[in-house]
Amino acid sequence: MDLTLYSASWCRDCREAKRFLEKHKIAYKEIDIENTPGAADEVIENVGKRAIPQFVINGKWVQPYRPGRGFLYEEMGRLLGVSNA
């Protein structure tokens, strides 16, 4: 699986996404939209707004959280083939 995480250091939901990936030992590449030229524009081009965190899983953009609900543990667990326990 090829997984990229678009994030920023100030983003609480991004930190939660990284904890989830690390807990389940899922390898990922991180792109900080604040420090990588053009990264924020790439997010906007693909999802229509500057919303992070964003996963790109094998080329498909996936938003792993919902405002008001936080990180989507069950949905991301199913999508990535891991248990949330």
C-alpha atoms as a PDB file:
ATOM      1  CA  MET A   1       0.000   0.000   0.000  1.00  0.00           C
ATOM      2  CA  ASP A   2       1.231   3.495  -0.849  1.00  0.00           C
ATOM      3  CA  LEU A   3      -0.054   5.986   1.746  1.00  0.00           C
ATOM      4  CA  THR A   4       0.676   9.708   1.940  1.00  0.00           C
ATOM      5  CA  LEU A   5      -0.548  11.932   4.765  1.00  0.00           C
ATOM      6  CA  TYR A   6      -1.024  15.646   4.110  1.00  0.00           C
ATOM      7  CA  SER A   7      -0.776  17.422   7.442  1.00  0.00           C
ATOM      8  CA  ALA A   8       0.535  20.399   9.431  1.00  0.00           C
ATOM      9  CA  SER A   9       2.290  20.518  12.791  1.00  0.00           C
ATOM     10  CA  TRP A  10      -0.454  22.659  14.376  1.00  0.00           C
ATOM     11  CA  CYS A  11      -3.272  20.293  13.338  1.00  0.00           C
ATOM     12  CA  ARG A  12      -4.693  18.206  16.223  1.00  0.00           C
ATOM     13  CA  ASP A  13      -6.557  15.867  13.846  1.00  0.00           C
ATOM     14  CA  CYS A  14      -3.323  15.319  11.903  1.00  0.00           C
ATOM     15  CA  ARG A  15      -1.523  14.253  15.072  1.00  0.00           C
ATOM     16  CA  GLU A  16      -4.347  11.802  15.784  1.00  0.00           C
ATOM     17  CA  ALA A  17      -4.092  10.405  12.237  1.00  0.00           C
ATOM     18  CA  LYS A  18      -0.337   9.862  12.707  1.00  0.00           C
ATOM     19  CA  ARG A  19      -0.900   8.129  16.068  1.00  0.00           C
ATOM     20  CA  PHE A  20      -3.406   5.791  14.391  1.00  0.00           C
ATOM     21  CA  LEU A  21      -0.996   4.923  11.571  1.00  0.00           C
ATOM     22  CA  GLU A  22       1.921   4.425  13.942  1.00  0.00           C
ATOM     23  CA  LYS A  23      -0.139   2.306  16.370  1.00  0.00           C
ATOM     24  CA  HIS A  24      -1.003  -0.051  13.516  1.00  0.00           C
ATOM     25  CA  LYS A  25       2.523   0.073  12.044  1.00  0.00           C
ATOM     26  CA  ILE A  26       1.273   1.422   8.721  1.00  0.00           C
ATOM     27  CA  ALA A  27       4.067   2.977   6.687  1.00  0.00           C
ATOM     28  CA  TYR A  28       3.312   6.414   5.280  1.00  0.00           C
ATOM     29  CA  LYS A  29       4.937   9.446   3.736  1.00  0.00           C
ATOM     30  CA  GLU A  30       4.079  12.761   5.377  1.00  0.00           C
ATOM     31  CA  ILE A  31       3.765  16.047   3.514  1.00  0.00           C
ATOM     32  CA  ASP A  32       3.521  19.150   5.696  1.00  0.00           C
ATOM     33  CA  ILE A  33       1.401  21.651   3.782  1.00  0.00           C
ATOM     34  CA  GLU A  34       3.020  24.566   5.617  1.00  0.00           C
ATOM     35  CA  ASN A  35       6.591  23.610   4.686  1.00  0.00           C
ATOM     36  CA  THR A  36       6.232  21.925   1.288  1.00  0.00           C
ATOM     37  CA  PRO A  37       5.832  24.365  -1.616  1.00  0.00           C
ATOM     38  CA  GLY A  38       2.642  23.658  -3.565  1.00  0.00           C
ATOM     39  CA  ALA A  39       1.307  21.050  -1.103  1.00  0.00           C
ATOM     40  CA  ALA A  40      -1.622  23.173   0.124  1.00  0.00           C
ATOM     41  CA  ASP A  41      -2.576  23.881  -3.497  1.00  0.00           C
ATOM     42  CA  GLU A  42      -2.446  20.144  -4.225  1.00  0.00           C
ATOM     43  CA  VAL A  43      -4.908  19.493  -1.389  1.00  0.00           C
ATOM     44  CA  ILE A  44      -7.252  22.192  -2.694  1.00  0.00           C
ATOM     45  CA  GLU A  45      -7.042  20.826  -6.258  1.00  0.00           C
ATOM     46  CA  ASN A  46      -7.974  17.329  -5.109  1.00  0.00           C
ATOM     47  CA  VAL A  47     -10.565  17.929  -2.382  1.00  0.00           C
ATOM     48  CA  GLY A  48     -11.870  21.413  -3.168  1.00  0.00           C
ATOM     49  CA  LYS A  49     -10.716  23.035   0.066  1.00  0.00           C
ATOM     50  CA  ARG A  50      -7.711  23.318   2.351  1.00  0.00           C
ATOM     51  CA  ALA A  51      -8.748  20.533   4.700  1.00  0.00           C
ATOM     52  CA  ILE A  52      -6.282  18.361   6.566  1.00  0.00           C
ATOM     53  CA  PRO A  53      -5.513  15.662   7.432  1.00  0.00           C
ATOM     54  CA  GLN A  54      -5.845  13.973   4.075  1.00  0.00           C
ATOM     55  CA  PHE A  55      -4.762  10.445   3.212  1.00  0.00           C
ATOM     56  CA  VAL A  56      -3.814   9.496  -0.322  1.00  0.00           C
ATOM     57  CA  ILE A  57      -4.079   5.723  -0.486  1.00  0.00           C
ATOM     58  CA  ASN A  58      -2.785   4.190  -3.708  1.00  0.00           C
ATOM     59  CA  GLY A  59      -3.628   7.446  -5.493  1.00  0.00           C
ATOM     60  CA  LYS A  60      -7.119   7.884  -3.988  1.00  0.00           C
ATOM     61  CA  TRP A  61      -7.760  10.905  -1.744  1.00  0.00           C
ATOM     62  CA  VAL A  62      -9.523  10.082   1.535  1.00  0.00           C
ATOM     63  CA  GLN A  63     -10.432  12.463   4.350  1.00  0.00           C
ATOM     64  CA  PRO A  64      -9.915  10.436   7.561  1.00  0.00           C
ATOM     65  CA  TYR A  65     -11.960  12.700   9.806  1.00  0.00           C
ATOM     66  CA  ARG A  66     -15.276  14.532   9.885  1.00  0.00           C
ATOM     67  CA  PRO A  67     -15.813  17.897  11.546  1.00  0.00           C
ATOM     68  CA  GLY A  68     -17.598  17.321  14.816  1.00  0.00           C
ATOM     69  CA  ARG A  69     -16.779  13.593  14.795  1.00  0.00           C
ATOM     70  CA  GLY A  70     -12.984  13.674  14.715  1.00  0.00           C
ATOM     71  CA  PHE A  71     -10.849  10.873  13.335  1.00  0.00           C
ATOM     72  CA  LEU A  72     -12.855   8.050  11.739  1.00  0.00           C
ATOM     73  CA  TYR A  73     -11.268   5.091  13.505  1.00  0.00           C
ATOM     74  CA  GLU A  74     -13.669   2.371  12.349  1.00  0.00           C
ATOM     75  CA  GLU A  75     -13.872   3.553   8.740  1.00  0.00           C
ATOM     76  CA  MET A  76     -10.096   3.984   8.426  1.00  0.00           C
ATOM     77  CA  GLY A  77      -9.497   0.658  10.155  1.00  0.00           C
ATOM     78  CA  ARG A  78     -11.707  -1.112   7.612  1.00  0.00           C
ATOM     79  CA  LEU A  79     -10.186   0.794   4.701  1.00  0.00           C
ATOM     80  CA  LEU A  80      -6.625   0.022   5.822  1.00  0.00           C
ATOM     81  CA  GLY A  81      -7.357  -3.530   6.942  1.00  0.00           C
ATOM     82  CA  VAL A  82      -6.572  -3.112  10.647  1.00  0.00           C
ATOM     83  CA  SER A  83      -8.429  -3.664  13.885  1.00  0.00           C
ATOM     84  CA  ASN A  84      -9.140  -0.646  16.070  1.00  0.00           C
ATOM     85  CA  ALA A  85      -8.568  -2.569  19.301  1.00  0.00           C
END
